[in-house]
C-alpha atoms as a PDB file:
ATOM      1  CA  MET A   1      78.362  99.947 113.227  1.00  0.00           C
ATOM      2  CA  ALA A   2      80.178 103.232 112.518  1.00  0.00           C
ATOM      3  CA  VAL A   3      81.020 103.615 116.217  1.00  0.00           C
ATOM      4  CA  SER A   4      82.411 100.072 116.271  1.00  0.00           C
ATOM      5  CA  VAL A   5      84.650 100.778 113.267  1.00  0.00           C
ATOM      6  CA  LEU A   6      85.800 104.094 114.769  1.00  0.00           C
ATOM      7  CA  VAL A   7      86.644 102.504 118.134  1.00  0.00           C
ATOM      8  CA  THR A   8      88.534  99.690 116.373  1.00  0.00           C
ATOM      9  CA  LEU A   9      90.507 102.136 114.213  1.00  0.00           C
ATOM     10  CA  LEU A  10      91.407 104.436 117.120  1.00  0.00           C
ATOM     11  CA  TYR A  11      92.123 101.641 119.627  1.00  0.00           C
ATOM     12  CA  PRO A  12      95.888 101.272 118.884  1.00  0.00           C
ATOM     13  CA  LEU A  13      96.368 105.045 119.036  1.00  0.00           C
ATOM     14  CA  ALA A  14      94.566 105.253 122.372  1.00  0.00           C
ATOM     15  CA  ILE A  15      96.680 102.429 123.809  1.00  0.00           C
ATOM     16  CA  TRP A  16      99.872 104.137 122.642  1.00  0.00           C
ATOM     17  CA  LEU A  17      98.845 107.556 123.990  1.00  0.00           C
ATOM     18  CA  GLY A  18      97.686 106.047 127.279  1.00  0.00           C
ATOM     19  CA  HIS A  19     100.748 103.815 127.783  1.00  0.00           C
ATOM     20  CA  GLY A  20     102.598 105.010 130.874  1.00  0.00           C
ATOM     21  CA  ARG A  21     100.015 107.723 131.530  1.00  0.00           C
ATOM     22  CA  VAL A  22      96.843 105.764 132.189  1.00  0.00           C
ATOM     23  CA  GLU A  23      96.598 102.495 134.082  1.00  0.00           C
ATOM     24  CA  PRO A  24      95.897  99.485 131.837  1.00  0.00           C
ATOM     25  CA  ARG A  25      92.753  98.672 133.851  1.00  0.00           C
ATOM     26  CA  LEU A  26      91.320 102.029 132.733  1.00  0.00           C
ATOM     27  CA  LEU A  27      92.475 101.510 129.139  1.00  0.00           C
ATOM     28  CA  ALA A  28      90.640  98.194 129.256  1.00  0.00           C
ATOM     29  CA  LEU A  29      87.426 100.184 129.262  1.00  0.00           C
ATOM     30  CA  LEU A  30      88.152 100.943 125.594  1.00  0.00           C
ATOM     31  CA  LEU A  31      87.992  97.244 124.889  1.00  0.00           C
ATOM     32  CA  VAL A  32      84.741  96.996 126.824  1.00  0.00           C
ATOM     33  CA  LEU A  33      83.439  99.920 124.728  1.00  0.00           C
ATOM     34  CA  ALA A  34      84.516  98.145 121.534  1.00  0.00           C
ATOM     35  CA  ALA A  35      82.663  95.053 122.718  1.00  0.00           C
ATOM     36  CA  ALA A  36      79.572  97.064 123.635  1.00  0.00           C
ATOM     37  CA  THR A  37      79.402  98.559 120.137  1.00  0.00           C
ATOM     38  CA  ARG A  38      79.123  95.028 118.762  1.00  0.00           C
ATOM     39  CA  LEU A  39      76.176  94.037 120.965  1.00  0.00           C
ATOM     40  CA  PRO A  40      73.542  94.731 118.250  1.00  0.00           C
ATOM     41  CA  SER A  41      75.159  92.148 115.940  1.00  0.00           C
ATOM     42  CA  LEU A  42      75.082  89.382 118.566  1.00  0.00           C
ATOM     43  CA  LYS A  43      71.636  88.233 117.458  1.00  0.00           C
ATOM     44  CA  LEU A  44      72.814  87.993 113.867  1.00  0.00           C
ATOM     45  CA  LYS A  45      76.157  86.207 114.059  1.00  0.00           C
ATOM     46  CA  ARG A  46      77.501  83.438 116.221  1.00  0.00           C
ATOM     47  CA  SER A  47      81.030  84.633 115.425  1.00  0.00           C
ATOM     48  CA  SER A  48      80.178  87.969 117.090  1.00  0.00           C
ATOM     49  CA  ARG A  49      79.443  86.146 120.329  1.00  0.00           C
ATOM     50  CA  TRP A  50      82.862  84.458 120.272  1.00  0.00           C
ATOM     51  CA  TRP A  51      84.550  87.756 119.470  1.00  0.00           C
ATOM     52  CA  LEU A  52      82.673  89.440 122.337  1.00  0.00           C
ATOM     53  CA  ALA A  53      83.711  86.697 124.760  1.00  0.00           C
ATOM     54  CA  GLY A  54      87.356  86.999 123.674  1.00  0.00           C
ATOM     55  CA  ALA A  55      87.348  90.814 123.927  1.00  0.00           C
ATOM     56  CA  LEU A  56      85.770  90.693 127.380  1.00  0.00           C
ATOM     57  CA  LEU A  57      88.261  88.039 128.496  1.00  0.00           C
ATOM     58  CA  LEU A  58      91.174  90.244 127.381  1.00  0.00           C
ATOM     59  CA  ALA A  59      89.603  93.277 129.086  1.00  0.00           C
ATOM     60  CA  GLY A  60      89.012  91.232 132.243  1.00  0.00           C
ATOM     61  CA  LEU A  61      92.635  90.072 132.306  1.00  0.00           C
ATOM     62  CA  ALA A  62      93.852  93.648 131.823  1.00  0.00           C
ATOM     63  CA  ILE A  63      91.619  94.890 134.633  1.00  0.00           C
ATOM     64  CA  TRP A  64      92.453  92.014 136.992  1.00  0.00           C
ATOM     65  CA  ASN A  65      96.231  92.202 136.478  1.00  0.00           C
ATOM     66  CA  ASN A  66      96.398  95.910 135.558  1.00  0.00           C
ATOM     67  CA  ALA A  67      98.474  94.709 132.594  1.00  0.00           C
ATOM     68  CA  LEU A  68      98.880  96.149 129.107  1.00  0.00           C
ATOM     69  CA  LEU A  69      99.643  92.868 127.312  1.00  0.00           C
ATOM     70  CA  PRO A  70      96.034  91.616 127.149  1.00  0.00           C
ATOM     71  CA  LEU A  71      95.050  94.930 125.559  1.00  0.00           C
ATOM     72  CA  LYS A  72      97.838  94.615 123.002  1.00  0.00           C
ATOM     73  CA  LEU A  73      96.553  91.140 122.099  1.00  0.00           C
ATOM     74  CA  TYR A  74      93.242  92.544 120.828  1.00  0.00           C
ATOM     75  CA  PRO A  75      94.442  92.866 117.187  1.00  0.00           C
ATOM     76  CA  VAL A  76      95.536  89.223 117.378  1.00  0.00           C
ATOM     77  CA  LEU A  77      91.984  88.325 118.459  1.00  0.00           C
ATOM     78  CA  VAL A  78      90.507  90.352 115.574  1.00  0.00           C
ATOM     79  CA  ASN A  79      92.749  88.630 113.024  1.00  0.00           C
ATOM     80  CA  LEU A  80      92.004  85.220 114.512  1.00  0.00           C
ATOM     81  CA  GLY A  81      88.278  85.946 114.349  1.00  0.00           C
ATOM     82  CA  MET A  82      88.469  87.120 110.741  1.00  0.00           C
ATOM     83  CA  LEU A  83      90.613  84.117 109.801  1.00  0.00           C
ATOM     84  CA  THR A  84      88.056  81.798 111.387  1.00  0.00           C
ATOM     85  CA  VAL A  85      85.139  83.389 109.527  1.00  0.00           C
ATOM     86  CA  PHE A  86      86.920  83.426 106.158  1.00  0.00           C
ATOM     87  CA  ALA A  87      88.401  79.925 106.529  1.00  0.00           C
ATOM     88  CA  TYR A  88      85.090  78.443 107.674  1.00  0.00           C
ATOM     89  CA  SER A  89      83.385  79.969 104.654  1.00  0.00           C
ATOM     90  CA  LEU A  90      85.668  77.919 102.397  1.00  0.00           C
ATOM     91  CA  TYR A  91      83.843  74.825 103.678  1.00  0.00           C
ATOM     92  CA  ALA A  92      80.386  76.408 103.553  1.00  0.00           C
ATOM     93  CA  PRO A  93      78.317  76.398 100.365  1.00  0.00           C
ATOM     94  CA  LEU A  94      79.484  79.946  99.508  1.00  0.00           C
ATOM     95  CA  SER A  95      82.784  81.558 100.468  1.00  0.00           C
ATOM     96  CA  ILE A  96      82.473  84.927 102.159  1.00  0.00           C
ATOM     97  CA  ILE A  97      83.892  86.766  99.127  1.00  0.00           C
ATOM     98  CA  GLU A  98      81.459  84.930  96.844  1.00  0.00           C
ATOM     99  CA  ARG A  99      78.583  86.047  99.075  1.00  0.00           C
ATOM    100  CA  MET A 100      79.771  89.647  98.771  1.00  0.00           C
ATOM    101  CA  ALA A 101      80.205  89.312  94.997  1.00  0.00           C
ATOM    102  CA  ARG A 102      76.691  87.922  94.609  1.00  0.00           C
ATOM    103  CA  LEU A 103      75.284  91.074  96.203  1.00  0.00           C
ATOM    104  CA  THR A 104      76.229  92.951  93.015  1.00  0.00           C
ATOM    105  CA  ASP A 105      76.116  90.032  90.557  1.00  0.00           C
ATOM    106  CA  PRO A 106      73.632  87.307  91.610  1.00  0.00           C
ATOM    107  CA  ALA A 107      74.386  85.320  88.413  1.00  0.00           C
ATOM    108  CA  LEU A 108      78.099  84.988  89.137  1.00  0.00           C
ATOM    109  CA  PRO A 109      79.795  83.053  86.305  1.00  0.00           C
ATOM    110  CA  ALA A 110      81.792  79.883  86.986  1.00  0.00           C
ATOM    111  CA  TYR A 111      85.139  81.664  86.685  1.00  0.00           C
ATOM    112  CA  GLY A 112      83.839  84.205  89.244  1.00  0.00           C
ATOM    113  CA  ILE A 113      83.135  81.447  91.746  1.00  0.00           C
ATOM    114  CA  VAL A 114      86.667  80.071  91.369  1.00  0.00           C
ATOM    115  CA  TYR A 115      88.102  83.592  91.598  1.00  0.00           C
ATOM    116  CA  THR A 116      86.153  84.520  94.755  1.00  0.00           C
ATOM    117  CA  ARG A 117      87.263  81.301  96.412  1.00  0.00           C
ATOM    118  CA  ARG A 118      90.891  82.155  95.639  1.00  0.00           C
ATOM    119  CA  VAL A 119      90.427  85.681  97.020  1.00  0.00           C
ATOM    120  CA  THR A 120      88.979  84.208 100.220  1.00  0.00           C
ATOM    121  CA  GLN A 121      92.105  82.037 100.506  1.00  0.00           C
ATOM    122  CA  VAL A 122      94.334  85.089  99.975  1.00  0.00           C
ATOM    123  CA  TRP A 123      92.526  86.906 102.789  1.00  0.00           C
ATOM    124  CA  CYS A 124      93.073  83.871 105.034  1.00  0.00           C
ATOM    125  CA  VAL A 125      96.824  84.080 104.366  1.00  0.00           C
ATOM    126  CA  PHE A 126      96.707  87.817 105.060  1.00  0.00           C
ATOM    127  CA  PHE A 127      94.996  87.266 108.422  1.00  0.00           C
ATOM    128  CA  ILE A 128      97.562  84.613 109.374  1.00  0.00           C
ATOM    129  CA  ILE A 129     100.503  86.896 108.567  1.00  0.00           C
ATOM    130  CA  ASN A 130      98.906  90.041 109.977  1.00  0.00           C
ATOM    131  CA  GLY A 131      97.827  88.224 113.149  1.00  0.00           C
ATOM    132  CA  GLY A 132     101.328  86.789 113.523  1.00  0.00           C
ATOM    133  CA  LEU A 133     102.882  90.245 113.198  1.00  0.00           C
ATOM    134  CA  ALA A 134     100.327  91.634 115.649  1.00  0.00           C
ATOM    135  CA  LEU A 135     101.365  88.914 118.111  1.00  0.00           C
ATOM    136  CA  VAL A 136     105.082  89.614 117.609  1.00  0.00           C
ATOM    137  CA  THR A 137     104.570  93.346 118.183  1.00  0.00           C
ATOM    138  CA  ALA A 138     102.416  92.667 121.251  1.00  0.00           C
ATOM    139  CA  LEU A 139     104.982  90.354 122.848  1.00  0.00           C
ATOM    140  CA  TRP A 140     108.314  91.892 121.869  1.00  0.00           C
ATOM    141  CA  ALA A 141     107.895  95.435 120.534  1.00  0.00           C
ATOM    142  CA  SER A 142     107.506  98.755 122.280  1.00  0.00           C
ATOM    143  CA  ALA A 143     104.081 100.323 122.645  1.00  0.00           C
ATOM    144  CA  ALA A 144     105.021 102.811 119.899  1.00  0.00           C
ATOM    145  CA  VAL A 145     105.999 100.062 117.425  1.00  0.00           C
ATOM    146  CA  TRP A 146     102.898  98.048 118.355  1.00  0.00           C
ATOM    147  CA  SER A 147     100.689 101.091 117.739  1.00  0.00           C
ATOM    148  CA  LEU A 148     102.452 101.971 114.485  1.00  0.00           C
ATOM    149  CA  TYR A 149     102.001  98.468 113.107  1.00  0.00           C
ATOM    150  CA  ASN A 150      98.491  97.742 114.412  1.00  0.00           C
ATOM    151  CA  GLY A 151      97.147 101.271 114.015  1.00  0.00           C
ATOM    152  CA  LEU A 152      98.637 102.214 110.657  1.00  0.00           C
ATOM    153  CA  ILE A 153     100.772  99.677 108.805  1.00  0.00           C
ATOM    154  CA  ALA A 154      98.240  96.838 109.092  1.00  0.00           C
ATOM    155  CA  TYR A 155      95.512  99.091 107.651  1.00  0.00           C
ATOM    156  CA  VAL A 156      97.791 100.272 104.833  1.00  0.00           C
ATOM    157  CA  LEU A 157      98.596  96.643 103.982  1.00  0.00           C
ATOM    158  CA  MET A 158      94.886  95.837 104.035  1.00  0.00           C
ATOM    159  CA  GLY A 159      94.270  98.781 101.706  1.00  0.00           C
ATOM    160  CA  PHE A 160      96.961  97.535  99.318  1.00  0.00           C
ATOM    161  CA  LEU A 161      95.324  94.117  99.323  1.00  0.00           C
ATOM    162  CA  PHE A 162      91.909  95.657  98.550  1.00  0.00           C
ATOM    163  CA  VAL A 163      93.310  97.766  95.706  1.00  0.00           C
ATOM    164  CA  GLY A 164      95.460  94.928  94.370  1.00  0.00           C
ATOM    165  CA  GLU A 165      92.525  92.538  94.398  1.00  0.00           C
ATOM    166  CA  TYR A 166      90.344  95.084  92.604  1.00  0.00           C
ATOM    167  CA  LEU A 167      92.963  95.536  89.855  1.00  0.00           C
ATOM    168  CA  VAL A 168      93.350  91.768  89.448  1.00  0.00           C
ATOM    169  CA  ARG A 169      89.555  91.399  89.326  1.00  0.00           C
ATOM    170  CA  VAL A 170      89.349  93.963  86.506  1.00  0.00           C
ATOM    171  CA  LEU A 171      92.011  92.047  84.567  1.00  0.00           C
ATOM    172  CA  VAL A 172      90.287  88.698  85.165  1.00  0.00           C
ATOM    173  CA  LYS A 173      86.936  90.069  83.974  1.00  0.00           C
ATOM    174  CA  ARG A 174      88.562  91.637  80.901  1.00  0.00           C
ATOM    175  CA  HIS A 175      90.319  88.356  80.089  1.00  0.00           C
ATOM    176  CA  HIS A 176      87.089  86.369  80.345  1.00  0.00           C
ATOM    177  CA  ARG A 177      85.183  88.911  78.235  1.00  0.00           C
ATOM    178  CA  ARG A 178      87.817  88.494  75.512  1.00  0.00           C
ATOM    179  CA  LEU A 179      87.535  84.722  75.737  1.00  0.00           C
ATOM    180  CA  ASP A 180      83.734  84.952  75.528  1.00  0.00           C
ATOM    181  CA  ALA A 181      83.983  87.301  72.550  1.00  0.00           C
ATOM    182  CA  GLN A 182      86.430  84.978  70.746  1.00  0.00           C
ATOM    183  CA  SER A 183      84.222  81.997  71.514  1.00  0.00           C
ATOM    184  CA  GLY A 184      81.197  83.884  70.123  1.00  0.00           C
ATOM    185  CA  LEU A 185      83.092  84.757  66.930  1.00  0.00           C
ATOM    186  CA  GLN A 186      84.164  81.151  66.452  1.00  0.00           C
ATOM    187  CA  GLN A 187      80.599  79.921  66.938  1.00  0.00           C
ATOM    188  CA  ASP A 188      79.301  82.514  64.448  1.00  0.00           C
ATOM    189  CA  GLY A 189      81.917  81.374  61.916  1.00  0.00           C
ATOM    190  CA  GLN A 190      80.785  77.759  62.280  1.00  0.00           C
ATOM    191  CA  HIS A 191      77.149  78.674  61.535  1.00  0.00           C
ATOM    192  CA  VAL A 192      77.982  80.403  58.204  1.00  0.00           C
END
């Protein structure tokens, strides 16, 4: 898994450094490597199989046509895959963020369920916007701009979303603790 994350993080930099120096069909081997690092998860997730097929299709197109564009479309594929997983989970019994939250708090309160659903929706919007920007940079921007956005800016934006969501979560929990405390005081006053 660590190799997969490392290859994904370094992919835009490698494409930028290789642009004009290395033939796209050779750069496509990076995409094949990224796909190969995901092979162990194929037995676990159906979505991994679709992602693998998409990555190999892009690599195949880059090799066949010796073209850079299919390689630059990889971040679009990643965002589309993540959007699909997150959006699908909104129709499943548990949203993906609720599943993650239940790992640390199996008895998630009702407000937590509503909150995790909303966070899942926010991530869906993020993947739509980020995927759209990845597509725009792939089609109309230079290799340097594409690499800057997909290799740095997109990760910074993702980091801001993580931190922002964490801060909002702290505030939501604090608010609900206050409400619970006030409710407990009111109930104690009624029993006197």
